[in-house]
């Protein structure tokens, strides 16, 4: 659901997140146009110029900080080298304030589900997914968990056409509004995109 200008200004956003329509604003730096919507092209802070009607996403200034044990972090899954393992690049803390660079994280299938029962990591996360996770260790590579109720995938993209996937109310699956593909994930209740109605 798109937000008002007042809600957008100063907000931190993920790449691919919709900001407004092309009728409302002119795209500036750090954004791109997709099917009539202006979307964030990078992780950063939204800037809105009401005089020129221009919207941009500026990189956030970085301060040296490290993830801590038991803290909540955001990361991007960049590889699933084995059925039981996913590799994650950690880039921001719980408030979505970026770290000084990215840090390596490892997500084991036992930290995704209590009883994986022969399932593959691909049933829970896929490369390109953005996740909210809990840090279990205090050294690099950080061991991660997405078993807590608020943790899981917060943004994912279609494996067929690359478009953002939307959460379907009342369904555990994600759907692509462009090609109709549906996919399974370990979805966080904080997932960014949602359709307005339940799919039959």
Protein backbone atom coordinates (compact mmCIF):
# COMPACT_ATOMS: atom_id res chain seq x y z
CA UNK A 1 0.00 0.00 0.00
CA UNK A 2 1.44 3.38 -1.05
CA UNK A 3 1.88 5.99 1.66
CA UNK A 4 1.13 9.71 1.76
CA UNK A 5 3.89 12.26 1.16
CA UNK A 6 4.03 13.04 4.88
CA UNK A 7 4.66 9.36 5.69
CA UNK A 8 7.24 8.94 2.91
CA UNK A 9 9.54 11.88 3.68
CA UNK A 10 12.53 10.74 5.75
CA UNK A 11 11.46 7.09 5.68
CA UNK A 12 14.06 4.36 5.06
CA UNK A 13 13.14 2.05 2.19
CA UNK A 14 14.29 -1.19 0.51
CA UNK A 15 15.21 -1.52 -3.18
CA UNK A 16 12.08 -2.20 -5.21
CA UNK A 17 9.70 -0.69 -2.66
CA UNK A 18 6.95 1.41 -4.32
CA UNK A 19 6.97 5.08 -3.32
CA UNK A 20 4.33 6.78 -5.48
CA UNK A 21 2.96 6.93 -9.02
CA UNK A 22 4.56 8.85 -11.90
CA UNK A 23 1.52 11.15 -11.91
CA UNK A 24 2.33 12.31 -8.38
CA UNK A 25 6.08 13.02 -8.58
CA UNK A 26 9.07 13.21 -10.93
CA UNK A 27 11.74 10.52 -10.34
CA UNK A 28 15.02 11.85 -8.93
CA UNK A 29 18.20 10.08 -7.82
CA UNK A 30 18.09 6.56 -6.40
CA UNK A 31 14.69 5.62 -7.87
CA UNK A 32 13.34 4.02 -11.05
CA UNK A 33 10.01 3.80 -12.87
CA UNK A 34 8.25 0.44 -13.18
CA UNK A 35 4.78 0.07 -14.70
CA UNK A 36 3.69 3.56 -13.68
CA UNK A 37 5.17 3.41 -10.17
CA UNK A 38 8.29 5.09 -8.85
CA UNK A 39 10.29 2.56 -6.81
CA UNK A 40 13.41 2.77 -4.65
CA UNK A 41 16.53 1.68 -6.55
CA UNK A 42 18.63 1.38 -3.39
CA UNK A 43 18.41 1.12 0.36
CA UNK A 44 18.24 4.65 1.74
CA UNK A 45 16.13 7.55 2.98
CA UNK A 46 13.30 9.11 0.99
CA UNK A 47 13.59 12.82 0.14
CA UNK A 48 10.57 14.69 -1.20
CA UNK A 49 10.83 18.12 -2.88
CA UNK A 50 7.32 19.61 -2.93
CA UNK A 51 8.41 22.61 -5.02
CA UNK A 52 9.78 20.63 -7.98
CA UNK A 53 7.55 17.59 -7.23
CA UNK A 54 10.65 15.37 -7.26
CA UNK A 55 11.16 12.23 -5.13
CA UNK A 56 14.58 10.67 -4.47
CA UNK A 57 16.21 8.03 -2.29
CA UNK A 58 19.49 9.21 -0.75
CA UNK A 59 22.06 6.87 0.80
CA UNK A 60 22.11 7.08 4.58
CA UNK A 61 25.35 8.23 6.22
CA UNK A 62 27.16 5.32 7.79
CA UNK A 63 28.65 5.08 11.27
CA UNK A 64 30.95 2.25 12.40
CA UNK A 65 28.74 -0.28 14.14
CA UNK A 66 28.59 -4.08 14.35
CA UNK A 67 25.69 -6.51 14.77
CA UNK A 68 25.40 -7.80 18.34
CA UNK A 69 24.28 -11.13 19.70
CA UNK A 70 20.46 -11.31 20.18
CA UNK A 71 19.97 -8.18 18.07
CA UNK A 72 17.57 -7.95 15.12
CA UNK A 73 19.09 -7.34 11.70
CA UNK A 74 18.07 -7.02 8.05
CA UNK A 75 19.95 -8.85 5.33
CA UNK A 76 19.82 -10.05 1.73
CA UNK A 77 20.08 -13.76 0.90
CA UNK A 78 22.74 -14.07 -1.80
CA UNK A 79 23.25 -17.84 -2.05
CA UNK A 80 21.81 -21.20 -1.02
CA UNK A 81 24.86 -23.47 -1.50
CA UNK A 82 23.22 -26.49 0.15
CA UNK A 83 19.67 -27.59 0.94
CA UNK A 84 20.15 -26.79 4.62
CA UNK A 85 22.14 -23.54 4.35
CA UNK A 86 21.64 -19.96 3.15
CA UNK A 87 24.26 -17.20 3.02
CA UNK A 88 23.17 -13.68 3.94
CA UNK A 89 24.66 -10.19 3.61
CA UNK A 90 23.64 -8.25 6.74
CA UNK A 91 23.26 -4.53 6.00
CA UNK A 92 21.04 -2.85 8.64
CA UNK A 93 19.82 -3.04 12.23
CA UNK A 94 16.25 -3.37 13.54
CA UNK A 95 15.54 0.32 12.87
CA UNK A 96 16.87 -0.15 9.31
CA UNK A 97 19.90 2.01 10.08
CA UNK A 98 22.72 0.73 7.82
CA UNK A 99 25.87 -0.78 9.23
CA UNK A 100 29.32 0.31 8.09
CA UNK A 101 29.38 -2.01 5.10
CA UNK A 102 27.88 -5.49 4.94
CA UNK A 103 28.58 -8.49 7.17
CA UNK A 104 28.39 -12.19 6.37
CA UNK A 105 25.62 -14.22 7.94
CA UNK A 106 24.75 -17.93 7.85
CA UNK A 107 21.20 -19.25 8.16
CA UNK A 108 20.81 -22.99 8.90
CA UNK A 109 17.52 -24.75 8.19
CA UNK A 110 17.19 -25.67 11.89
CA UNK A 111 17.02 -21.91 12.59
CA UNK A 112 14.11 -21.55 10.15
CA UNK A 113 11.71 -24.29 11.25
CA UNK A 114 11.50 -26.53 14.31
CA UNK A 115 10.93 -29.66 12.21
CA UNK A 116 12.15 -29.08 8.64
CA UNK A 117 11.25 -32.71 7.84
CA UNK A 118 13.14 -33.20 4.59
CA UNK A 119 12.38 -29.72 3.25
CA UNK A 120 14.96 -27.65 1.39
CA UNK A 121 16.05 -24.13 2.34
CA UNK A 122 14.39 -23.10 -0.96
CA UNK A 123 11.03 -23.80 0.72
CA UNK A 124 11.76 -20.95 3.17
CA UNK A 125 14.13 -18.43 1.52
CA UNK A 126 15.66 -17.90 -1.92
CA UNK A 127 18.56 -15.81 -3.28
CA UNK A 128 17.47 -12.19 -3.67
CA UNK A 129 15.13 -12.27 -0.64
CA UNK A 130 15.40 -9.60 2.05
CA UNK A 131 15.01 -11.03 5.55
CA UNK A 132 14.58 -9.87 9.14
CA UNK A 133 16.64 -12.14 11.42
CA UNK A 134 17.94 -12.56 14.97
CA UNK A 135 21.72 -12.75 15.51
CA UNK A 136 22.79 -15.84 17.49
CA UNK A 137 26.57 -15.32 17.64
CA UNK A 138 29.04 -12.52 18.24
CA UNK A 139 31.62 -13.22 15.53
CA UNK A 140 31.72 -13.18 11.72
CA UNK A 141 30.15 -15.04 10.00
CA UNK A 142 27.15 -14.30 12.18
CA UNK A 143 24.80 -17.23 12.82
CA UNK A 144 21.22 -16.14 12.15
CA UNK A 145 17.72 -17.34 13.02
CA UNK A 146 14.31 -16.48 11.54
CA UNK A 147 12.29 -18.63 13.95
CA UNK A 148 10.93 -15.72 16.03
CA UNK A 149 7.41 -14.59 15.24
CA UNK A 150 8.38 -11.27 13.59
CA UNK A 151 11.38 -12.69 11.67
CA UNK A 152 11.35 -14.03 8.13
CA UNK A 153 11.25 -12.76 4.55
CA UNK A 154 10.19 -9.10 4.34
CA UNK A 155 10.58 -8.67 0.57
CA UNK A 156 10.97 -11.21 -2.23
CA UNK A 157 11.03 -11.23 -6.02
CA UNK A 158 9.40 -13.56 -8.55
CA UNK A 159 11.61 -16.46 -9.68
CA UNK A 160 9.97 -16.32 -13.13
CA UNK A 161 9.89 -12.63 -14.14
CA UNK A 162 11.80 -10.83 -11.37
CA UNK A 163 8.91 -8.60 -10.26
CA UNK A 164 8.19 -8.02 -6.54
CA UNK A 165 6.06 -10.67 -4.87
CA UNK A 166 2.98 -9.64 -2.87
CA UNK A 167 1.56 -11.27 0.25
CA UNK A 168 -1.95 -12.65 -0.20
CA UNK A 169 -4.16 -12.00 2.86
CA UNK A 170 -5.23 -15.31 4.40
CA UNK A 171 -2.61 -17.30 2.48
CA UNK A 172 0.94 -18.46 3.40
CA UNK A 173 2.07 -17.89 -0.19
CA UNK A 174 3.38 -14.90 -2.14
CA UNK A 175 2.07 -13.94 -5.58
CA UNK A 176 3.47 -12.08 -8.58
CA UNK A 177 0.91 -9.60 -9.90
CA UNK A 178 2.70 -9.42 -13.25
CA UNK A 179 2.92 -13.10 -14.31
CA UNK A 180 0.63 -14.82 -11.78
CA UNK A 181 3.38 -17.04 -10.33
CA UNK A 182 2.94 -18.05 -6.66
CA UNK A 183 5.83 -19.00 -4.36
CA UNK A 184 6.37 -20.25 -0.83
CA UNK A 185 8.53 -18.52 1.78
CA UNK A 186 8.93 -18.21 5.56
CA UNK A 187 7.11 -14.88 5.45
CA UNK A 188 7.44 -12.29 8.21
CA UNK A 189 4.23 -10.54 9.38
CA UNK A 190 6.20 -7.37 8.57
CA UNK A 191 6.33 -8.23 4.84
CA UNK A 192 6.36 -4.96 2.89
CA UNK A 193 3.94 -5.62 0.01
CA UNK A 194 0.40 -6.98 0.28
CA UNK A 195 -2.55 -7.39 -2.07
CA UNK A 196 -5.82 -5.86 -0.92
CA UNK A 197 -7.97 -8.95 -1.17
CA UNK A 198 -7.77 -12.65 -0.53
CA UNK A 199 -7.10 -14.78 -3.62
CA UNK A 200 -9.69 -17.52 -4.31
